[in-house]
Amino acid sequence: MSDIEIEQRLEEVNKELFNLRIQKSTAQIEQPLRLRHLRREIARMNTIASERLIAARSQEGLTS
């Protein structure tokens, strides 16, 4: 995935997580494990984004 695709997916997942949290608070949630999956997906995407940022900075340092 490109950086832009990761950002877009991250936004979608955060919205879905918010909606599921609302459902959980009102006891209307159908898939409680979905919360865990979304949190882990967010963590993975954040990790990938930070790894790419670190790699870009190290490449920038090598070329400067």
PDB file of N, CA and C in Angstrom:
ATOM      1  N   MET A   1       0.836  -1.179   0.000  1.00  0.00           N
ATOM      2  CA  MET A   1       0.000   0.000   0.000  1.00  0.00           C
ATOM      3  C   MET A   1       0.884   1.246   0.000  1.00  0.00           C
ATOM      4  N   SER A   2       0.420   2.255  -0.676  1.00  0.00           N
ATOM      5  CA  SER A   2       1.151   3.510  -0.677  1.00  0.00           C
ATOM      6  C   SER A   2       0.827   4.286   0.600  1.00  0.00           C
ATOM      7  N   ASP A   3       1.571   5.343   0.838  1.00  0.00           N
ATOM      8  CA  ASP A   3       1.347   6.153   2.036  1.00  0.00           C
ATOM      9  C   ASP A   3      -0.050   6.761   2.044  1.00  0.00           C
ATOM     10  N   ILE A   4      -0.510   7.189   0.892  1.00  0.00           N
ATOM     11  CA  ILE A   4      -1.839   7.796   0.792  1.00  0.00           C
ATOM     12  C   ILE A   4      -2.921   6.762   1.076  1.00  0.00           C
ATOM     13  N   GLU A   5      -2.752   5.552   0.540  1.00  0.00           N
ATOM     14  CA  GLU A   5      -3.723   4.490   0.782  1.00  0.00           C
ATOM     15  C   GLU A   5      -3.764   4.119   2.265  1.00  0.00           C
ATOM     16  N   ILE A   6      -2.605   4.096   2.906  1.00  0.00           N
ATOM     17  CA  ILE A   6      -2.552   3.790   4.339  1.00  0.00           C
ATOM     18  C   ILE A   6      -3.299   4.860   5.123  1.00  0.00           C
ATOM     19  N   GLU A   7      -3.093   6.121   4.792  1.00  0.00           N
ATOM     20  CA  GLU A   7      -3.780   7.211   5.483  1.00  0.00           C
ATOM     21  C   GLU A   7      -5.294   7.112   5.307  1.00  0.00           C
ATOM     22  N   GLN A   8      -5.728   6.804   4.085  1.00  0.00           N
ATOM     23  CA  GLN A   8      -7.160   6.689   3.819  1.00  0.00           C
ATOM     24  C   GLN A   8      -7.758   5.515   4.584  1.00  0.00           C
ATOM     25  N   ARG A   9      -7.073   4.384   4.561  1.00  0.00           N
ATOM     26  CA  ARG A   9      -7.561   3.202   5.273  1.00  0.00           C
ATOM     27  C   ARG A   9      -7.585   3.453   6.778  1.00  0.00           C
ATOM     28  N   LEU A  10      -6.580   4.142   7.273  1.00  0.00           N
ATOM     29  CA  LEU A  10      -6.512   4.463   8.692  1.00  0.00           C
ATOM     30  C   LEU A  10      -7.705   5.327   9.104  1.00  0.00           C
ATOM     31  N   GLU A  11      -8.063   6.269   8.264  1.00  0.00           N
ATOM     32  CA  GLU A  11      -9.219   7.120   8.539  1.00  0.00           C
ATOM     33  C   GLU A  11     -10.508   6.299   8.569  1.00  0.00           C
ATOM     34  N   GLU A  12     -10.653   5.381   7.606  1.00  0.00           N
ATOM     35  CA  GLU A  12     -11.838   4.525   7.551  1.00  0.00           C
ATOM     36  C   GLU A  12     -11.944   3.644   8.790  1.00  0.00           C
ATOM     37  N   VAL A  13     -10.824   3.062   9.173  1.00  0.00           N
ATOM     38  CA  VAL A  13     -10.817   2.155  10.318  1.00  0.00           C
ATOM     39  C   VAL A  13     -11.110   2.915  11.605  1.00  0.00           C
ATOM     40  N   ASN A  14     -10.582   4.117  11.735  1.00  0.00           N
ATOM     41  CA  ASN A  14     -10.860   4.915  12.925  1.00  0.00           C
ATOM     42  C   ASN A  14     -12.348   5.263  13.025  1.00  0.00           C
ATOM     43  N   LYS A  15     -12.979   5.565  11.894  1.00  0.00           N
ATOM     44  CA  LYS A  15     -14.418   5.845  11.899  1.00  0.00           C
ATOM     45  C   LYS A  15     -15.212   4.606  12.306  1.00  0.00           C
ATOM     46  N   GLU A  16     -14.813   3.455  11.745  1.00  0.00           N
ATOM     47  CA  GLU A  16     -15.499   2.212  12.078  1.00  0.00           C
ATOM     48  C   GLU A  16     -15.317   1.874  13.561  1.00  0.00           C
ATOM     49  N   LEU A  17     -14.113   2.077  14.070  1.00  0.00           N
ATOM     50  CA  LEU A  17     -13.850   1.822  15.481  1.00  0.00           C
ATOM     51  C   LEU A  17     -14.711   2.725  16.368  1.00  0.00           C
ATOM     52  N   PHE A  18     -14.818   3.982  15.994  1.00  0.00           N
ATOM     53  CA  PHE A  18     -15.667   4.914  16.742  1.00  0.00           C
ATOM     54  C   PHE A  18     -17.109   4.425  16.775  1.00  0.00           C
ATOM     55  N   ASN A  19     -17.624   4.020  15.608  1.00  0.00           N
ATOM     56  CA  ASN A  19     -19.004   3.544  15.539  1.00  0.00           C
ATOM     57  C   ASN A  19     -19.203   2.286  16.384  1.00  0.00           C
ATOM     58  N   LEU A  20     -18.227   1.394  16.377  1.00  0.00           N
ATOM     59  CA  LEU A  20     -18.341   0.187  17.183  1.00  0.00           C
ATOM     60  C   LEU A  20     -18.289   0.501  18.676  1.00  0.00           C
ATOM     61  N   ARG A  21     -17.503   1.480  19.049  1.00  0.00           N
ATOM     62  CA  ARG A  21     -17.457   1.880  20.457  1.00  0.00           C
ATOM     63  C   ARG A  21     -18.805   2.440  20.911  1.00  0.00           C
ATOM     64  N   ILE A  22     -19.451   3.183  20.041  1.00  0.00           N
ATOM     65  CA  ILE A  22     -20.792   3.701  20.349  1.00  0.00           C
ATOM     66  C   ILE A  22     -21.757   2.533  20.516  1.00  0.00           C
ATOM     67  N   GLN A  23     -21.693   1.576  19.600  1.00  0.00           N
ATOM     68  CA  GLN A  23     -22.561   0.404  19.698  1.00  0.00           C
ATOM     69  C   GLN A  23     -22.301  -0.371  20.981  1.00  0.00           C
ATOM     70  N   LYS A  24     -21.038  -0.479  21.357  1.00  0.00           N
ATOM     71  CA  LYS A  24     -20.696  -1.210  22.571  1.00  0.00           C
ATOM     72  C   LYS A  24     -21.276  -0.511  23.796  1.00  0.00           C
ATOM     73  N   SER A  25     -21.205   0.801  23.821  1.00  0.00           N
ATOM     74  CA  SER A  25     -21.705   1.537  24.979  1.00  0.00           C
ATOM     75  C   SER A  25     -23.227   1.452  25.108  1.00  0.00           C
ATOM     76  N   THR A  26     -23.897   1.230  23.986  1.00  0.00           N
ATOM     77  CA  THR A  26     -25.349   1.093  24.026  1.00  0.00           C
ATOM     78  C   THR A  26     -25.791  -0.372  23.989  1.00  0.00           C
ATOM     79  N   ALA A  27     -24.835  -1.279  24.134  1.00  0.00           N
ATOM     80  CA  ALA A  27     -25.080  -2.731  24.163  1.00  0.00           C
ATOM     81  C   ALA A  27     -25.749  -3.236  22.889  1.00  0.00           C
ATOM     82  N   GLN A  28     -25.373  -2.676  21.749  1.00  0.00           N
ATOM     83  CA  GLN A  28     -25.941  -3.111  20.470  1.00  0.00           C
ATOM     84  C   GLN A  28     -24.894  -3.731  19.562  1.00  0.00           C
ATOM     85  N   ILE A  29     -23.740  -4.043  20.081  1.00  0.00           N
ATOM     86  CA  ILE A  29     -22.654  -4.537  19.243  1.00  0.00           C
ATOM     87  C   ILE A  29     -22.898  -6.001  18.882  1.00  0.00           C
ATOM     88  N   GLU A  30     -22.700  -6.320  17.603  1.00  0.00           N
ATOM     89  CA  GLU A  30     -22.918  -7.675  17.115  1.00  0.00           C
ATOM     90  C   GLU A  30     -21.619  -8.484  17.111  1.00  0.00           C
ATOM     91  N   GLN A  31     -20.500  -7.825  16.836  1.00  0.00           N
ATOM     92  CA  GLN A  31     -19.210  -8.509  16.746  1.00  0.00           C
ATOM     93  C   GLN A  31     -18.213  -7.850  17.696  1.00  0.00           C
ATOM     94  N   PRO A  32     -18.202  -8.238  18.954  1.00  0.00           N
ATOM     95  CA  PRO A  32     -17.305  -7.591  19.905  1.00  0.00           C
ATOM     96  C   PRO A  32     -15.816  -7.789  19.576  1.00  0.00           C
ATOM     97  N   LEU A  33     -15.474  -8.887  18.938  1.00  0.00           N
ATOM     98  CA  LEU A  33     -14.068  -9.119  18.587  1.00  0.00           C
ATOM     99  C   LEU A  33     -13.589  -8.187  17.481  1.00  0.00           C
ATOM    100  N   ARG A  34     -14.513  -7.602  16.770  1.00  0.00           N
ATOM    101  CA  ARG A  34     -14.152  -6.660  15.701  1.00  0.00           C
ATOM    102  C   ARG A  34     -13.384  -5.462  16.270  1.00  0.00           C
ATOM    103  N   LEU A  35     -13.708  -5.062  17.501  1.00  0.00           N
ATOM    104  CA  LEU A  35     -12.987  -3.964  18.151  1.00  0.00           C
ATOM    105  C   LEU A  35     -11.496  -4.286  18.246  1.00  0.00           C
ATOM    106  N   ARG A  36     -11.179  -5.475  18.704  1.00  0.00           N
ATOM    107  CA  ARG A  36      -9.789  -5.888  18.843  1.00  0.00           C
ATOM    108  C   ARG A  36      -9.081  -5.916  17.489  1.00  0.00           C
ATOM    109  N   HIS A  37      -9.763  -6.450  16.489  1.00  0.00           N
ATOM    110  CA  HIS A  37      -9.170  -6.529  15.152  1.00  0.00           C
ATOM    111  C   HIS A  37      -8.872  -5.137  14.596  1.00  0.00           C
ATOM    112  N   LEU A  38      -9.797  -4.210  14.807  1.00  0.00           N
ATOM    113  CA  LEU A  38      -9.590  -2.853  14.301  1.00  0.00           C
ATOM    114  C   LEU A  38      -8.441  -2.160  15.023  1.00  0.00           C
ATOM    115  N   ARG A  39      -8.359  -2.331  16.334  1.00  0.00           N
ATOM    116  CA  ARG A  39      -7.256  -1.716  17.079  1.00  0.00           C
ATOM    117  C   ARG A  39      -5.917  -2.256  16.605  1.00  0.00           C
ATOM    118  N   ARG A  40      -5.865  -3.541  16.349  1.00  0.00           N
ATOM    119  CA  ARG A  40      -4.614  -4.141  15.862  1.00  0.00           C
ATOM    120  C   ARG A  40      -4.277  -3.669  14.453  1.00  0.00           C
ATOM    121  N   GLU A  41      -5.291  -3.526  13.616  1.00  0.00           N
ATOM    122  CA  GLU A  41      -5.059  -3.030  12.260  1.00  0.00           C
ATOM    123  C   GLU A  41      -4.523  -1.603  12.298  1.00  0.00           C
ATOM    124  N   ILE A  42      -5.076  -0.778  13.187  1.00  0.00           N
ATOM    125  CA  ILE A  42      -4.594   0.592  13.347  1.00  0.00           C
ATOM    126  C   ILE A  42      -3.137   0.585  13.789  1.00  0.00           C
ATOM    127  N   ALA A  43      -2.809  -0.281  14.734  1.00  0.00           N
ATOM    128  CA  ALA A  43      -1.432  -0.365  15.218  1.00  0.00           C
ATOM    129  C   ALA A  43      -0.484  -0.792  14.101  1.00  0.00           C
ATOM    130  N   ARG A  44      -0.902  -1.746  13.284  1.00  0.00           N
ATOM    131  CA  ARG A  44      -0.060  -2.194  12.156  1.00  0.00           C
ATOM    132  C   ARG A  44       0.201  -1.057  11.170  1.00  0.00           C
ATOM    133  N   MET A  45      -0.860  -0.337  10.829  1.00  0.00           N
ATOM    134  CA  MET A  45      -0.707   0.755   9.868  1.00  0.00           C
ATOM    135  C   MET A  45       0.165   1.871  10.430  1.00  0.00           C
ATOM    136  N   ASN A  46       0.015   2.165  11.708  1.00  0.00           N
ATOM    137  CA  ASN A  46       0.868   3.183  12.332  1.00  0.00           C
ATOM    138  C   ASN A  46       2.322   2.732  12.349  1.00  0.00           C
ATOM    139  N   THR A  47       2.552   1.448  12.587  1.00  0.00           N
ATOM    140  CA  THR A  47       3.903   0.911  12.591  1.00  0.00           C
ATOM    141  C   THR A  47       4.525   1.016  11.201  1.00  0.00           C
ATOM    142  N   ILE A  48       3.775   0.647  10.191  1.00  0.00           N
ATOM    143  CA  ILE A  48       4.279   0.731   8.816  1.00  0.00           C
ATOM    144  C   ILE A  48       4.605   2.170   8.457  1.00  0.00           C
ATOM    145  N   ALA A  49       3.720   3.080   8.814  1.00  0.00           N
ATOM    146  CA  ALA A  49       3.930   4.498   8.502  1.00  0.00           C
ATOM    147  C   ALA A  49       5.187   5.024   9.201  1.00  0.00           C
ATOM    148  N   SER A  50       5.375   4.659  10.463  1.00  0.00           N
ATOM    149  CA  SER A  50       6.558   5.146  11.179  1.00  0.00           C
ATOM    150  C   SER A  50       7.831   4.508  10.641  1.00  0.00           C
ATOM    151  N   GLU A  51       7.782   3.239  10.247  1.00  0.00           N
ATOM    152  CA  GLU A  51       8.948   2.597   9.641  1.00  0.00           C
ATOM    153  C   GLU A  51       9.336   3.294   8.346  1.00  0.00           C
ATOM    154  N   ARG A  52       8.347   3.639   7.551  1.00  0.00           N
ATOM    155  CA  ARG A  52       8.627   4.334   6.290  1.00  0.00           C
ATOM    156  C   ARG A  52       9.209   5.724   6.544  1.00  0.00           C
ATOM    157  N   LEU A  53       8.711   6.400   7.558  1.00  0.00           N
ATOM    158  CA  LEU A  53       9.224   7.718   7.906  1.00  0.00           C
ATOM    159  C   LEU A  53      10.678   7.626   8.358  1.00  0.00           C
ATOM    160  N   ILE A  54      10.982   6.648   9.182  1.00  0.00           N
ATOM    161  CA  ILE A  54      12.352   6.445   9.654  1.00  0.00           C
ATOM    162  C   ILE A  54      13.277   6.121   8.491  1.00  0.00           C
ATOM    163  N   ALA A  55      12.814   5.262   7.582  1.00  0.00           N
ATOM    164  CA  ALA A  55      13.622   4.899   6.423  1.00  0.00           C
ATOM    165  C   ALA A  55      13.856   6.106   5.524  1.00  0.00           C
ATOM    166  N   ALA A  56      12.849   6.928   5.348  1.00  0.00           N
ATOM    167  CA  ALA A  56      13.002   8.125   4.520  1.00  0.00           C
ATOM    168  C   ALA A  56      13.984   9.098   5.143  1.00  0.00           C
ATOM    169  N   ARG A  57      13.922   9.247   6.458  1.00  0.00           N
ATOM    170  CA  ARG A  57      14.847  10.157   7.145  1.00  0.00           C
ATOM    171  C   ARG A  57      16.274   9.638   7.073  1.00  0.00           C
ATOM    172  N   SER A  58      16.442   8.324   7.184  1.00  0.00           N
ATOM    173  CA  SER A  58      17.797   7.785   7.112  1.00  0.00           C
ATOM    174  C   SER A  58      18.354   7.922   5.688  1.00  0.00           C
ATOM    175  N   GLN A  59      17.505   7.760   4.675  1.00  0.00           N
ATOM    176  CA  GLN A  59      17.935   7.951   3.295  1.00  0.00           C
ATOM    177  C   GLN A  59      18.296   9.410   3.051  1.00  0.00           C
ATOM    178  N   GLU A  60      17.510  10.288   3.639  1.00  0.00           N
ATOM    179  CA  GLU A  60      17.787  11.724   3.501  1.00  0.00           C
ATOM    180  C   GLU A  60      19.113  12.071   4.150  1.00  0.00           C
ATOM    181  N   GLY A  61      19.400  11.457   5.272  1.00  0.00           N
ATOM    182  CA  GLY A  61      20.662  11.702   5.976  1.00  0.00           C
ATOM    183  C   GLY A  61      21.843  11.164   5.187  1.00  0.00           C
ATOM    184  N   LEU A  62      21.653  10.073   4.460  1.00  0.00           N
ATOM    185  CA  LEU A  62      22.731   9.492   3.668  1.00  0.00           C
ATOM    186  C   LEU A  62      23.023  10.316   2.430  1.00  0.00           C
ATOM    187  N   THR A  63      21.999  10.937   1.870  1.00  0.00           N
ATOM    188  CA  THR A  63      22.209  11.710   0.652  1.00  0.00           C
ATOM    189  C   THR A  63      22.667  13.124   0.940  1.00  0.00           C
ATOM    190  N   SER A  64      22.491  13.596   2.155  1.00  0.00           N
ATOM    191  CA  SER A  64      22.893  14.984   2.486  1.00  0.00           C
ATOM    192  C   SER A  64      24.350  15.081   2.765  1.00  0.00           C
TER     193      SER A  64
END
